[in-house]
Amino acid sequence: MTVQRDDDRALRSYLEGRSTRHVPEGLLEATLARVEQTGQRPGWLLLDRWASPATQGRMQATGRQMAFLAIVVAIVLVAAILIVAVGSRPRLPKPFGPAGNGILAFDANGAIVVANPDGSGRHPLTLGSSIATDPSWSLDGTRIAYFEQPAPHAPGALFVAEADGSHALDVTSALRGSTPLLDQPAAWSPDGRQLAFTALTTGSADGDPHIVVVGADGNGLARIGPSSIEAWDPAWSPDGTRIAFKGQSNGVDAIYVMDALGGNARRITSVTIDTRSYGDPMAFRDPQWSPDGTRIVFFVTVQSGNQDIFVVNADGSGELDLTNSLEDEAWPIWSPDGTRIALDRQYDVVVMKPDGSDQHVLVSDPLAPEGSRPRWAPDGSRIFVFTSAVADTMEVLDVAGGPPVKIPAPGGPTGKVSWQRVAAP
């Protein structure tokens, strides 16, 4: 033990020499004593003392296999959790292109009413004494917007509700100095985060129509577009970066396109309206984007005094009169796949190709004299219209030529309908 004691003394001297502060009395002795009392680990605990190299290799390989198996099990469990989580979410359609057919929403007798496309399951979505009009489904079909006013001719407000009508929210409560213009459903942005609508300036002699955007949660309400252009009928481009609208500047009507924030407004049409139609809100209306965002269709009262359907490229080139007839055509709308355009011609519904060719009339009762505003089914197989039969009716027309489905409309619909988009089956 003499050698060990000498080493102990040497270690103590070394540690004391290296220390920058005084070592507590007795600490080193206690530490050395504990080291002396600690025995070595028995040899049988060491794998290489009792297992052959081959056995050691097999045991190590087994350990690696168990670790790999544990990793695989963990990955499978995480994947299963993700599948359950994703599977529990409702499937939603894309904002543009064909989709599944959901329910119809229309305004009747002062309420927003919903029904299946065959007329069954009809019930009011809004209740109370207020007058609700102009329904508009979000493009994913999960929410619905509509205007509501406490009494006829009273200022209205824009509401957003869940698909079942619950949690209705007035998203225009922060609107000051303006009131929404009714008779024009609000336009949803493709991502469902915003809506655009036409508003009138309170107290203005001519109304000063302009475009207002607001978040679906009521935040971010703002007037957009230049004040020098009166604006109606906003329509979002499929990518959500632009808004087309009917504008009037210096007494001249045209279709304009501006950035979604209201900048860079530019006229994209050159056709001029019949001078006898100046001041007529129906003289230049309803721009509608093609599903691919390259073209815009609209209707205008031309020099002959008739309403024609026009199409123009989004950059203003390629303007073309698609109908050029002696009859009035209005309310054009693209099919979900962009291969056809439906329109209202006098008392008929016409379907044609985007270049104006292959026009054919769908079988229906005479359309409502105030205009039908046909609406495509999300899957492109049918078209909804209002008709002027003996009693107020609605019809769902088969584009392939089958018999129409008649839906009674007691209470007198005003002519606005929105067809809910759902995920395709």
Protein backbone atom coordinates (compact mmCIF):
# COMPACT_ATOMS: atom_id res chain seq x y z
CA MET A 1 0.00 0.00 0.00
CA THR A 2 3.11 2.27 0.28
CA VAL A 3 3.04 3.01 -3.43
CA GLN A 4 -0.70 3.81 -3.28
CA ARG A 5 -0.24 6.15 -0.28
CA ASP A 6 2.59 7.94 -2.09
CA ASP A 7 0.32 8.36 -5.10
CA ASP A 8 -2.44 9.67 -2.88
CA ARG A 9 -0.16 12.29 -1.39
CA ALA A 10 1.10 13.28 -4.84
CA LEU A 11 -2.48 13.62 -6.13
CA ARG A 12 -3.43 15.73 -3.13
CA SER A 13 -0.45 18.02 -3.63
CA TYR A 14 -1.22 18.34 -7.35
CA LEU A 15 -4.89 19.15 -6.83
CA GLU A 16 -4.11 21.72 -4.14
CA GLY A 17 -1.55 23.33 -6.41
CA ARG A 18 -4.00 23.57 -9.34
CA SER A 19 -6.96 24.81 -7.34
CA THR A 20 -7.85 28.51 -7.60
CA ARG A 21 -9.72 28.47 -4.33
CA HIS A 22 -9.37 26.67 -0.99
CA VAL A 23 -10.63 23.07 -1.04
CA PRO A 24 -13.15 22.38 1.74
CA GLU A 25 -11.54 20.57 4.67
CA GLY A 26 -11.78 16.79 4.38
CA LEU A 27 -13.25 16.72 0.84
CA LEU A 28 -10.23 15.14 -0.78
CA GLU A 29 -9.87 12.51 1.98
CA ALA A 30 -13.51 11.53 1.68
CA THR A 31 -13.25 11.28 -2.12
CA LEU A 32 -10.14 9.09 -2.01
CA ALA A 33 -11.68 6.89 0.66
CA ARG A 34 -14.80 6.36 -1.46
CA VAL A 35 -12.64 5.40 -4.43
CA GLU A 36 -10.78 2.83 -2.34
CA GLN A 37 -14.06 1.30 -1.15
CA THR A 38 -15.55 0.97 -4.66
CA GLY A 39 -14.93 -2.45 -6.08
CA GLN A 40 -14.51 -3.33 -9.70
CA ARG A 41 -17.46 -4.59 -11.77
CA PRO A 42 -17.58 -8.40 -11.76
CA GLY A 43 -16.20 -9.94 -14.90
CA TRP A 44 -19.37 -11.92 -15.57
CA LEU A 45 -21.14 -8.66 -16.39
CA LEU A 46 -18.81 -8.08 -19.30
CA LEU A 47 -20.14 -9.58 -22.50
CA ASP A 48 -16.70 -10.43 -23.89
CA ARG A 49 -15.80 -12.45 -20.73
CA TRP A 50 -18.47 -15.13 -21.20
CA ALA A 51 -19.88 -14.89 -24.74
CA SER A 52 -18.00 -16.05 -27.80
CA PRO A 53 -17.38 -13.56 -30.63
CA ALA A 54 -20.05 -15.30 -32.71
CA THR A 55 -22.58 -15.05 -29.88
CA GLN A 56 -21.71 -11.41 -29.35
CA GLY A 57 -22.28 -10.72 -33.07
CA ARG A 58 -25.68 -12.41 -33.02
CA MET A 59 -26.73 -10.48 -29.91
CA GLN A 60 -25.62 -7.17 -31.39
CA ALA A 61 -27.45 -7.97 -34.65
CA THR A 62 -30.59 -8.84 -32.68
CA GLY A 63 -30.36 -5.53 -30.86
CA ARG A 64 -30.11 -3.67 -34.15
CA GLN A 65 -33.09 -5.61 -35.51
CA MET A 66 -35.15 -4.75 -32.43
CA ALA A 67 -34.24 -1.07 -32.78
CA PHE A 68 -35.18 -1.15 -36.48
CA LEU A 69 -38.46 -2.89 -35.66
CA ALA A 70 -39.25 -0.24 -33.04
CA ILE A 71 -38.64 2.50 -35.61
CA VAL A 72 -40.92 0.76 -38.15
CA VAL A 73 -43.68 0.37 -35.54
CA ALA A 74 -43.39 4.06 -34.63
CA ILE A 75 -43.64 5.07 -38.30
CA VAL A 76 -46.72 2.87 -38.79
CA LEU A 77 -48.39 4.36 -35.72
CA VAL A 78 -47.71 7.93 -36.88
CA ALA A 79 -49.04 7.11 -40.36
CA ALA A 80 -52.19 5.58 -38.87
CA ILE A 81 -52.77 8.68 -36.75
CA LEU A 82 -52.34 10.92 -39.81
CA ILE A 83 -54.71 8.79 -41.88
CA VAL A 84 -57.38 8.97 -39.18
CA ALA A 85 -56.89 12.73 -38.81
CA VAL A 86 -57.06 13.38 -42.57
CA GLY A 87 -59.93 10.95 -43.05
CA SER A 88 -61.98 12.73 -40.40
CA ARG A 89 -61.82 16.03 -42.32
CA PRO A 90 -64.53 16.68 -44.91
CA ARG A 91 -63.36 16.49 -48.50
CA LEU A 92 -63.59 19.86 -50.24
CA PRO A 93 -63.82 20.66 -53.96
CA LYS A 94 -61.35 22.81 -55.84
CA PRO A 95 -62.56 26.40 -56.30
CA PHE A 96 -62.77 26.06 -60.09
CA GLY A 97 -63.45 23.23 -62.50
CA PRO A 98 -66.09 20.46 -62.24
CA ALA A 99 -67.22 19.41 -58.76
CA GLY A 100 -70.00 17.45 -57.10
CA ASN A 101 -73.53 18.85 -56.98
CA GLY A 102 -74.62 20.12 -53.57
CA ILE A 103 -77.84 21.87 -52.62
CA LEU A 104 -79.51 24.90 -54.18
CA ALA A 105 -79.84 28.20 -52.31
CA PHE A 106 -82.25 30.89 -53.49
CA ASP A 107 -84.17 33.77 -52.02
CA ALA A 108 -87.96 33.51 -51.69
CA ASN A 109 -90.49 35.35 -49.55
CA GLY A 110 -87.77 37.31 -47.76
CA ALA A 111 -85.70 34.31 -46.70
CA ILE A 112 -82.78 32.27 -48.00
CA VAL A 113 -84.17 28.84 -48.84
CA VAL A 114 -82.23 25.67 -49.63
CA ALA A 115 -83.37 22.52 -51.41
CA ASN A 116 -82.00 19.47 -53.15
CA PRO A 117 -81.72 19.71 -56.96
CA ASP A 118 -84.93 17.67 -57.28
CA GLY A 119 -86.82 20.08 -55.02
CA SER A 120 -86.89 17.81 -51.98
CA GLY A 121 -85.64 18.79 -48.54
CA ARG A 122 -86.71 22.39 -48.99
CA HIS A 123 -86.38 24.55 -45.87
CA PRO A 124 -85.43 28.13 -44.91
CA LEU A 125 -81.82 28.79 -43.99
CA THR A 126 -82.57 32.18 -42.46
CA LEU A 127 -85.26 32.97 -39.91
CA GLY A 128 -86.67 36.14 -38.42
CA SER A 129 -88.30 39.29 -39.68
CA SER A 130 -85.37 40.63 -41.71
CA ILE A 131 -85.37 40.34 -45.50
CA ALA A 132 -82.60 38.06 -46.81
CA THR A 133 -81.58 38.06 -50.48
CA ASP A 134 -78.80 37.26 -52.95
CA PRO A 135 -77.31 34.00 -51.63
CA SER A 136 -73.79 33.05 -52.69
CA TRP A 137 -71.99 29.83 -51.71
CA SER A 138 -68.27 29.93 -51.04
CA LEU A 139 -66.38 28.03 -53.73
CA ASP A 140 -65.59 25.17 -51.33
CA GLY A 141 -69.27 24.92 -50.34
CA THR A 142 -68.67 25.30 -46.60
CA ARG A 143 -70.20 28.78 -46.09
CA ILE A 144 -72.86 30.99 -47.57
CA ALA A 145 -73.07 34.77 -47.92
CA TYR A 146 -76.23 36.82 -48.32
CA PHE A 147 -77.56 40.32 -47.84
CA GLU A 148 -80.04 41.16 -45.13
CA GLN A 149 -82.09 44.30 -44.47
CA PRO A 150 -84.52 45.00 -41.61
CA ALA A 151 -87.25 46.35 -43.92
CA PRO A 152 -87.82 47.13 -47.61
CA HIS A 153 -85.72 50.05 -48.85
CA ALA A 154 -83.69 50.05 -45.62
CA PRO A 155 -79.88 49.83 -45.73
CA GLY A 156 -78.64 46.27 -45.96
CA ALA A 157 -75.72 44.34 -44.53
CA LEU A 158 -73.65 41.41 -45.80
CA PHE A 159 -73.77 38.26 -43.68
CA VAL A 160 -71.62 35.12 -43.77
CA ALA A 161 -72.89 31.90 -42.20
CA GLU A 162 -72.00 28.23 -42.01
CA ALA A 163 -73.56 25.95 -44.62
CA ASP A 164 -76.42 25.11 -42.24
CA GLY A 165 -77.14 28.80 -41.58
CA SER A 166 -75.57 28.86 -38.13
CA HIS A 167 -73.08 31.42 -36.77
CA ALA A 168 -74.28 34.18 -39.09
CA LEU A 169 -71.94 37.17 -38.93
CA ASP A 170 -72.47 40.70 -40.20
CA VAL A 171 -69.15 41.30 -41.96
CA THR A 172 -70.05 44.88 -42.91
CA SER A 173 -70.66 46.22 -39.40
CA ALA A 174 -67.57 48.42 -39.83
CA LEU A 175 -68.84 49.93 -43.10
CA ARG A 176 -69.17 53.70 -42.74
CA GLY A 177 -70.62 56.14 -45.27
CA SER A 178 -71.69 53.40 -47.66
CA THR A 179 -74.33 50.71 -47.91
CA PRO A 180 -74.22 47.46 -49.90
CA LEU A 181 -76.04 47.52 -53.22
CA LEU A 182 -78.56 44.71 -53.18
CA ASP A 183 -79.55 42.69 -56.25
CA GLN A 184 -75.91 41.70 -56.85
CA PRO A 185 -74.67 38.68 -54.88
CA ALA A 186 -71.28 39.11 -53.22
CA ALA A 187 -68.33 37.45 -54.96
CA TRP A 188 -66.15 35.03 -52.97
CA SER A 189 -62.40 34.99 -53.47
CA PRO A 190 -61.12 31.58 -54.62
CA ASP A 191 -59.50 30.88 -51.24
CA GLY A 192 -62.70 31.76 -49.35
CA ARG A 193 -60.99 34.40 -47.22
CA GLN A 194 -62.57 37.51 -48.74
CA LEU A 195 -65.70 38.78 -50.43
CA ALA A 196 -66.16 41.64 -52.89
CA PHE A 197 -69.41 43.51 -53.40
CA THR A 198 -70.82 46.73 -54.82
CA ALA A 199 -71.64 49.55 -52.40
CA LEU A 200 -73.26 52.95 -52.76
CA THR A 201 -72.07 56.12 -51.06
CA THR A 202 -74.65 57.40 -48.60
CA GLY A 203 -76.06 60.79 -49.61
CA SER A 204 -74.43 60.81 -53.05
CA ALA A 205 -76.67 62.08 -55.85
CA ASP A 206 -75.72 59.29 -58.26
CA GLY A 207 -74.87 56.72 -55.60
CA ASP A 208 -71.15 56.71 -56.45
CA PRO A 209 -71.09 52.90 -56.88
CA HIS A 210 -67.79 51.34 -55.88
CA ILE A 211 -66.21 48.01 -54.95
CA VAL A 212 -65.67 46.99 -51.33
CA VAL A 213 -63.72 43.96 -50.12
CA VAL A 214 -63.96 42.43 -46.66
CA GLY A 215 -62.64 39.34 -44.91
CA ALA A 216 -65.05 36.48 -44.37
CA ASP A 217 -64.45 37.09 -40.65
CA GLY A 218 -65.39 40.78 -40.94
CA ASN A 219 -61.83 42.10 -40.83
CA GLY A 220 -60.00 44.14 -43.46
CA LEU A 221 -63.00 46.00 -44.86
CA ALA A 222 -61.87 48.53 -47.48
CA ARG A 223 -62.97 50.35 -50.59
CA ILE A 224 -60.76 49.46 -53.55
CA GLY A 225 -60.26 50.83 -57.05
CA PRO A 226 -59.80 54.40 -58.29
CA SER A 227 -62.38 56.93 -57.16
CA SER A 228 -62.60 58.26 -60.72
CA ILE A 229 -64.29 55.05 -61.92
CA GLU A 230 -67.78 54.05 -60.80
CA ALA A 231 -67.78 50.28 -60.38
CA TRP A 232 -70.25 47.38 -60.21
CA ASP A 233 -70.28 43.58 -60.57
CA PRO A 234 -66.91 42.50 -59.10
CA ALA A 235 -65.62 39.07 -60.16
CA TRP A 236 -62.43 37.44 -58.84
CA SER A 237 -59.99 35.82 -61.24
CA PRO A 238 -59.48 32.07 -60.61
CA ASP A 239 -56.01 32.70 -59.15
CA GLY A 240 -57.36 35.43 -56.84
CA THR A 241 -54.90 38.09 -58.00
CA ARG A 242 -57.30 40.26 -60.06
CA ILE A 243 -60.87 41.53 -60.02
CA ALA A 244 -62.92 42.26 -63.14
CA PHE A 245 -65.80 44.72 -62.91
CA LYS A 246 -68.18 46.86 -64.93
CA GLY A 247 -66.91 50.44 -64.72
CA GLN A 248 -67.94 53.86 -65.92
CA SER A 249 -65.54 56.75 -66.38
CA ASN A 250 -66.47 60.08 -67.97
CA GLY A 251 -69.82 58.61 -68.94
CA VAL A 252 -68.32 55.65 -70.84
CA ASP A 253 -69.14 52.09 -69.77
CA ALA A 254 -66.57 49.34 -70.10
CA ILE A 255 -65.21 46.19 -68.47
CA TYR A 256 -62.15 46.83 -66.31
CA VAL A 257 -59.61 44.62 -64.58
CA MET A 258 -57.64 45.67 -61.49
CA ASP A 259 -55.32 44.02 -59.00
CA ALA A 260 -57.00 42.37 -56.04
CA LEU A 261 -55.85 45.26 -53.83
CA GLY A 262 -57.43 47.80 -56.20
CA GLY A 263 -54.37 49.04 -58.08
CA ASN A 264 -53.61 49.12 -61.81
CA ALA A 265 -57.22 49.41 -62.97
CA ARG A 266 -57.32 49.24 -66.75
CA ARG A 267 -60.06 49.15 -69.36
CA ILE A 268 -60.03 45.92 -71.41
CA THR A 269 -63.04 46.43 -73.74
CA SER A 270 -63.48 48.69 -76.72
CA VAL A 271 -67.14 48.04 -77.67
CA THR A 272 -69.38 51.07 -77.16
CA ILE A 273 -72.96 50.88 -76.02
CA ASP A 274 -76.07 52.24 -77.71
CA THR A 275 -76.26 55.93 -76.76
CA ARG A 276 -79.93 55.44 -75.92
CA SER A 277 -78.82 53.08 -73.15
CA TYR A 278 -76.66 55.57 -71.27
CA GLY A 279 -77.50 55.35 -67.60
CA ASP A 280 -79.14 51.95 -68.02
CA PRO A 281 -77.57 49.62 -65.41
CA MET A 282 -78.33 46.69 -67.71
CA ALA A 283 -76.42 48.17 -70.66
CA PHE A 284 -73.04 46.67 -69.73
CA ARG A 285 -73.03 43.90 -67.15
CA ASP A 286 -71.85 40.77 -65.48
CA PRO A 287 -68.20 39.99 -66.34
CA GLN A 288 -67.45 36.30 -65.77
CA TRP A 289 -63.95 34.75 -65.81
CA SER A 290 -63.29 31.53 -67.71
CA PRO A 291 -62.16 28.73 -65.36
CA ASP A 292 -58.61 28.97 -66.71
CA GLY A 293 -58.49 32.74 -66.09
CA THR A 294 -57.65 33.69 -69.68
CA ARG A 295 -60.96 35.18 -70.90
CA ILE A 296 -63.93 37.18 -69.66
CA VAL A 297 -67.48 36.94 -70.97
CA PHE A 298 -70.07 39.72 -70.49
CA PHE A 299 -73.16 41.23 -72.12
CA VAL A 300 -73.69 44.71 -73.52
CA THR A 301 -76.36 46.74 -75.33
CA VAL A 302 -74.74 47.36 -78.72
CA GLN A 303 -75.39 50.11 -81.27
CA SER A 304 -78.34 48.24 -82.77
CA GLY A 305 -80.10 48.44 -79.40
CA ASN A 306 -79.93 44.68 -78.80
CA GLN A 307 -78.04 42.97 -76.01
CA ASP A 308 -75.23 40.70 -77.23
CA ILE A 309 -72.78 38.36 -75.53
CA PHE A 310 -69.11 39.32 -75.87
CA VAL A 311 -65.88 37.65 -74.87
CA VAL A 312 -62.46 39.28 -74.45
CA ASN A 313 -59.05 38.08 -73.37
CA ALA A 314 -58.02 39.17 -69.89
CA ASP A 315 -55.35 41.43 -71.38
CA GLY A 316 -57.92 43.22 -73.56
CA SER A 317 -57.14 41.51 -76.84
CA GLY A 318 -59.41 39.33 -78.94
CA GLU A 319 -62.73 41.06 -78.21
CA LEU A 320 -65.53 39.21 -80.03
CA ASP A 321 -69.33 39.47 -80.32
CA LEU A 322 -70.41 35.85 -79.85
CA THR A 323 -74.11 36.22 -80.65
CA ASN A 324 -74.62 39.26 -82.90
CA SER A 325 -78.34 38.56 -83.26
CA LEU A 326 -81.55 40.56 -83.41
CA GLU A 327 -82.62 39.10 -80.08
CA ASP A 328 -81.55 40.12 -76.60
CA GLU A 329 -79.05 37.84 -74.88
CA ALA A 330 -77.89 38.29 -71.30
CA TRP A 331 -76.39 36.65 -68.19
CA PRO A 332 -73.69 34.49 -69.81
CA ILE A 333 -71.90 32.00 -67.59
CA TRP A 334 -69.08 29.51 -68.24
CA SER A 335 -69.54 25.80 -67.74
CA PRO A 336 -67.35 24.43 -64.92
CA ASP A 337 -64.92 22.89 -67.43
CA GLY A 338 -64.80 26.04 -69.57
CA THR A 339 -65.92 24.30 -72.78
CA ARG A 340 -69.39 25.91 -73.04
CA ILE A 341 -71.26 29.10 -72.23
CA ALA A 342 -74.91 29.21 -71.15
CA LEU A 343 -76.99 32.36 -71.60
CA ASP A 344 -80.50 33.79 -71.45
CA ARG A 345 -81.96 34.58 -74.89
CA GLN A 346 -85.35 36.23 -74.64
CA TYR A 347 -87.36 33.36 -73.11
CA ASP A 348 -84.95 30.50 -73.80
CA VAL A 349 -81.71 29.08 -72.42
CA VAL A 350 -78.98 28.69 -75.03
CA VAL A 351 -75.76 26.71 -74.70
CA MET A 352 -72.86 27.33 -77.09
CA LYS A 353 -69.13 26.90 -77.46
CA PRO A 354 -66.83 29.74 -76.27
CA ASP A 355 -66.39 30.93 -79.87
CA GLY A 356 -70.16 31.32 -80.34
CA SER A 357 -70.61 28.21 -82.48
CA ASP A 358 -72.81 25.14 -81.93
CA GLN A 359 -75.66 27.10 -80.34
CA HIS A 360 -78.63 25.04 -79.20
CA VAL A 361 -81.71 25.76 -77.10
CA LEU A 362 -82.50 23.69 -74.03
CA VAL A 363 -86.07 22.50 -73.48
CA SER A 364 -87.85 24.54 -70.81
CA ASP A 365 -90.92 26.61 -70.08
CA PRO A 366 -90.59 30.29 -71.08
CA LEU A 367 -88.07 32.03 -68.86
CA ALA A 368 -89.00 34.69 -66.36
CA PRO A 369 -89.38 38.01 -68.20
CA GLU A 370 -87.02 39.82 -65.83
CA GLY A 371 -84.23 37.43 -66.83
CA SER A 372 -83.39 33.95 -65.68
CA ARG A 373 -79.68 34.17 -64.88
CA PRO A 374 -78.98 30.51 -65.67
CA ARG A 375 -76.62 28.69 -63.32
CA TRP A 376 -74.61 25.57 -64.14
CA ALA A 377 -74.61 22.55 -61.88
CA PRO A 378 -71.10 22.14 -60.46
CA ASP A 379 -70.64 18.93 -62.46
CA GLY A 380 -71.73 20.63 -65.71
CA SER A 381 -74.58 18.24 -66.43
CA ARG A 382 -77.55 20.53 -65.69
CA ILE A 383 -78.58 24.19 -65.62
CA PHE A 384 -80.87 25.92 -63.13
CA VAL A 385 -83.33 28.60 -64.37
CA PHE A 386 -86.35 30.57 -63.21
CA THR A 387 -89.39 30.29 -65.46
CA SER A 388 -92.64 32.17 -65.85
CA ALA A 389 -95.16 29.36 -65.88
CA VAL A 390 -98.71 29.77 -64.50
CA ALA A 391 -97.26 29.57 -60.99
CA ASP A 392 -93.77 30.65 -60.07
CA THR A 393 -91.49 27.74 -60.79
CA MET A 394 -87.85 26.85 -61.07
CA GLU A 395 -86.48 24.27 -63.46
CA VAL A 396 -83.33 22.18 -63.58
CA LEU A 397 -82.55 21.53 -67.24
CA ASP A 398 -80.68 18.51 -68.54
CA VAL A 399 -77.87 19.72 -70.82
CA ALA A 400 -77.98 16.38 -72.64
CA GLY A 401 -81.61 17.04 -73.63
CA GLY A 402 -83.56 15.07 -71.04
CA PRO A 403 -86.80 16.35 -69.51
CA PRO A 404 -86.48 19.26 -67.06
CA VAL A 405 -87.16 18.88 -63.35
CA LYS A 406 -89.77 21.40 -62.18
CA ILE A 407 -89.47 22.80 -58.67
CA PRO A 408 -92.36 24.85 -57.20
CA ALA A 409 -91.27 28.22 -55.88
CA PRO A 410 -94.05 29.59 -53.67
CA GLY A 411 -93.40 33.06 -52.36
CA GLY A 412 -91.95 34.37 -55.59
CA PRO A 413 -88.20 33.95 -56.07
CA THR A 414 -86.35 37.11 -57.07
CA GLY A 415 -84.18 35.38 -59.64
CA LYS A 416 -80.96 34.74 -57.74
CA VAL A 417 -79.71 31.25 -57.04
CA SER A 418 -76.42 29.68 -56.03
CA TRP A 419 -75.54 25.99 -56.46
CA GLN A 420 -73.31 24.55 -53.76
CA ARG A 421 -70.06 22.90 -54.84
CA VAL A 422 -69.06 19.73 -52.98
CA ALA A 423 -66.33 17.15 -53.47
CA ALA A 424 -67.00 14.89 -56.45
CA PRO A 425 -68.09 11.37 -55.48
